[in-house]
């Protein structure tokens, strides 16, 4: 007799693809971390725009660094090392702009 395995929805007894669920969840968490750090870096750039006379160019530099680090993070599948470095640089630039 043939083996009967349901192929319909999970509610009707079909097997779940746990590997795909884990991959999707990991991607979601990685993108969320990248988004949060990119938002912090953008807020730092906005603060730099208003801090000092040379704040405009420091803010532009911060936005360019944030964009590059975000692209690196997406390519590296959720790595936030580059964005953490950009956030630290942003705090250093803010300290320099304040004098």
C-alpha atoms as a PDB file:
ATOM      1  CA  UNK A   1       0.000   0.000   0.000  1.00  0.00           C
ATOM      2  CA  UNK A   2       1.272   3.484  -0.841  1.00  0.00           C
ATOM      3  CA  UNK A   3       2.462   5.890   1.825  1.00  0.00           C
ATOM      4  CA  UNK A   4      -0.049   8.683   2.331  1.00  0.00           C
ATOM      5  CA  UNK A   5       1.478  12.033   3.313  1.00  0.00           C
ATOM      6  CA  UNK A   6      -0.733  15.108   3.228  1.00  0.00           C
ATOM      7  CA  UNK A   7       0.392  17.814   0.856  1.00  0.00           C
ATOM      8  CA  UNK A   8      -2.213  20.459   1.696  1.00  0.00           C
ATOM      9  CA  UNK A   9      -2.102  23.146   4.375  1.00  0.00           C
ATOM     10  CA  UNK A  10      -0.430  22.591   7.730  1.00  0.00           C
ATOM     11  CA  UNK A  11      -3.837  22.668   9.407  1.00  0.00           C
ATOM     12  CA  UNK A  12      -4.673  19.450   7.572  1.00  0.00           C
ATOM     13  CA  UNK A  13      -1.496  17.663   8.642  1.00  0.00           C
ATOM     14  CA  UNK A  14       1.115  18.606   6.043  1.00  0.00           C
ATOM     15  CA  UNK A  15       4.724  18.685   7.321  1.00  0.00           C
ATOM     16  CA  UNK A  16       6.249  22.073   8.124  1.00  0.00           C
ATOM     17  CA  UNK A  17       9.474  23.340   6.577  1.00  0.00           C
ATOM     18  CA  UNK A  18      11.329  24.325   9.736  1.00  0.00           C
ATOM     19  CA  UNK A  19      14.573  25.110   7.924  1.00  0.00           C
ATOM     20  CA  UNK A  20      12.787  27.714   5.810  1.00  0.00           C
ATOM     21  CA  UNK A  21      11.102  29.159   8.905  1.00  0.00           C
ATOM     22  CA  UNK A  22      14.472  29.526  10.647  1.00  0.00           C
ATOM     23  CA  UNK A  23      16.037  31.146   7.583  1.00  0.00           C
ATOM     24  CA  UNK A  24      13.182  33.635   7.273  1.00  0.00           C
ATOM     25  CA  UNK A  25      13.301  34.494  10.991  1.00  0.00           C
ATOM     26  CA  UNK A  26      17.085  35.004  10.889  1.00  0.00           C
ATOM     27  CA  UNK A  27      16.723  37.316   7.900  1.00  0.00           C
ATOM     28  CA  UNK A  28      13.991  39.317   9.645  1.00  0.00           C
ATOM     29  CA  UNK A  29      16.030  39.738  12.835  1.00  0.00           C
ATOM     30  CA  UNK A  30      19.157  40.699  10.871  1.00  0.00           C
ATOM     31  CA  UNK A  31      17.305  43.306   8.828  1.00  0.00           C
ATOM     32  CA  UNK A  32      15.713  44.701  11.994  1.00  0.00           C
ATOM     33  CA  UNK A  33      19.145  45.151  13.621  1.00  0.00           C
ATOM     34  CA  UNK A  34      20.460  46.872  10.500  1.00  0.00           C
ATOM     35  CA  UNK A  35      17.409  49.151  10.372  1.00  0.00           C
ATOM     36  CA  UNK A  36      17.722  50.195  14.015  1.00  0.00           C
ATOM     37  CA  UNK A  37      21.427  51.051  13.718  1.00  0.00           C
ATOM     38  CA  UNK A  38      20.862  52.877  10.416  1.00  0.00           C
ATOM     39  CA  UNK A  39      18.166  54.947  12.131  1.00  0.00           C
ATOM     40  CA  UNK A  40      20.563  55.843  14.964  1.00  0.00           C
ATOM     41  CA  UNK A  41      23.225  56.856  12.429  1.00  0.00           C
ATOM     42  CA  UNK A  42      20.674  58.985  10.552  1.00  0.00           C
ATOM     43  CA  UNK A  43      19.683  60.732  13.783  1.00  0.00           C
ATOM     44  CA  UNK A  44      23.367  61.414  14.444  1.00  0.00           C
ATOM     45  CA  UNK A  45      23.668  62.950  10.974  1.00  0.00           C
ATOM     46  CA  UNK A  46      20.657  65.157  11.649  1.00  0.00           C
ATOM     47  CA  UNK A  47      22.246  66.272  14.913  1.00  0.00           C
ATOM     48  CA  UNK A  48      25.495  67.020  13.080  1.00  0.00           C
ATOM     49  CA  UNK A  49      23.640  69.166  10.538  1.00  0.00           C
ATOM     50  CA  UNK A  50      22.518  71.478  13.338  1.00  0.00           C
ATOM     51  CA  UNK A  51      25.524  71.463  15.681  1.00  0.00           C
ATOM     52  CA  UNK A  52      28.241  73.587  14.147  1.00  0.00           C
ATOM     53  CA  UNK A  53      29.284  75.602  11.104  1.00  0.00           C
ATOM     54  CA  UNK A  54      30.993  72.587   9.537  1.00  0.00           C
ATOM     55  CA  UNK A  55      28.207  70.259  10.687  1.00  0.00           C
ATOM     56  CA  UNK A  56      26.691  70.031   7.216  1.00  0.00           C
ATOM     57  CA  UNK A  57      29.688  68.223   5.743  1.00  0.00           C
ATOM     58  CA  UNK A  58      30.068  66.029   8.819  1.00  0.00           C
ATOM     59  CA  UNK A  59      26.402  65.078   8.484  1.00  0.00           C
ATOM     60  CA  UNK A  60      26.859  64.257   4.816  1.00  0.00           C
ATOM     61  CA  UNK A  61      29.888  62.132   5.704  1.00  0.00           C
ATOM     62  CA  UNK A  62      27.839  60.318   8.362  1.00  0.00           C
ATOM     63  CA  UNK A  63      25.029  59.610   5.873  1.00  0.00           C
ATOM     64  CA  UNK A  64      27.483  58.279   3.281  1.00  0.00           C
ATOM     65  CA  UNK A  65      29.158  56.028   5.855  1.00  0.00           C
ATOM     66  CA  UNK A  66      25.767  54.797   7.057  1.00  0.00           C
ATOM     67  CA  UNK A  67      24.648  53.973   3.519  1.00  0.00           C
ATOM     68  CA  UNK A  68      27.825  52.038   2.757  1.00  0.00           C
ATOM     69  CA  UNK A  69      27.708  50.162   6.076  1.00  0.00           C
ATOM     70  CA  UNK A  70      24.031  49.286   5.560  1.00  0.00           C
ATOM     71  CA  UNK A  71      24.800  47.832   2.142  1.00  0.00           C
ATOM     72  CA  UNK A  72      27.648  45.809   3.642  1.00  0.00           C
ATOM     73  CA  UNK A  73      25.321  44.574   6.395  1.00  0.00           C
ATOM     74  CA  UNK A  74      22.660  43.449   3.928  1.00  0.00           C
ATOM     75  CA  UNK A  75      25.227  41.709   1.726  1.00  0.00           C
ATOM     76  CA  UNK A  76      26.715  40.008   4.807  1.00  0.00           C
ATOM     77  CA  UNK A  77      23.232  38.703   5.718  1.00  0.00           C
ATOM     78  CA  UNK A  78      22.610  40.740   8.868  1.00  0.00           C
ATOM     79  CA  UNK A  79      26.092  41.571  10.096  1.00  0.00           C
ATOM     80  CA  UNK A  80      26.063  44.807  12.112  1.00  0.00           C
ATOM     81  CA  UNK A  81      29.805  45.228  12.694  1.00  0.00           C
ATOM     82  CA  UNK A  82      30.185  47.957  10.071  1.00  0.00           C
ATOM     83  CA  UNK A  83      27.143  49.871  11.313  1.00  0.00           C
ATOM     84  CA  UNK A  84      28.333  49.736  14.921  1.00  0.00           C
ATOM     85  CA  UNK A  85      31.584  51.308  13.715  1.00  0.00           C
ATOM     86  CA  UNK A  86      29.642  54.037  11.907  1.00  0.00           C
ATOM     87  CA  UNK A  87      27.610  54.812  15.046  1.00  0.00           C
ATOM     88  CA  UNK A  88      30.836  55.100  17.082  1.00  0.00           C
ATOM     89  CA  UNK A  89      32.322  57.378  14.408  1.00  0.00           C
ATOM     90  CA  UNK A  90      29.126  59.426  14.552  1.00  0.00           C
ATOM     91  CA  UNK A  91      29.574  60.014  18.270  1.00  0.00           C
ATOM     92  CA  UNK A  92      33.196  61.015  17.664  1.00  0.00           C
ATOM     93  CA  UNK A  93      32.138  63.439  14.923  1.00  0.00           C
ATOM     94  CA  UNK A  94      29.539  64.944  17.259  1.00  0.00           C
ATOM     95  CA  UNK A  95      32.212  65.398  19.930  1.00  0.00           C
ATOM     96  CA  UNK A  96      34.493  67.097  17.386  1.00  0.00           C
ATOM     97  CA  UNK A  97      31.698  69.363  16.158  1.00  0.00           C
ATOM     98  CA  UNK A  98      30.906  70.496  19.697  1.00  0.00           C
ATOM     99  CA  UNK A  99      34.512  71.391  20.281  1.00  0.00           C
END
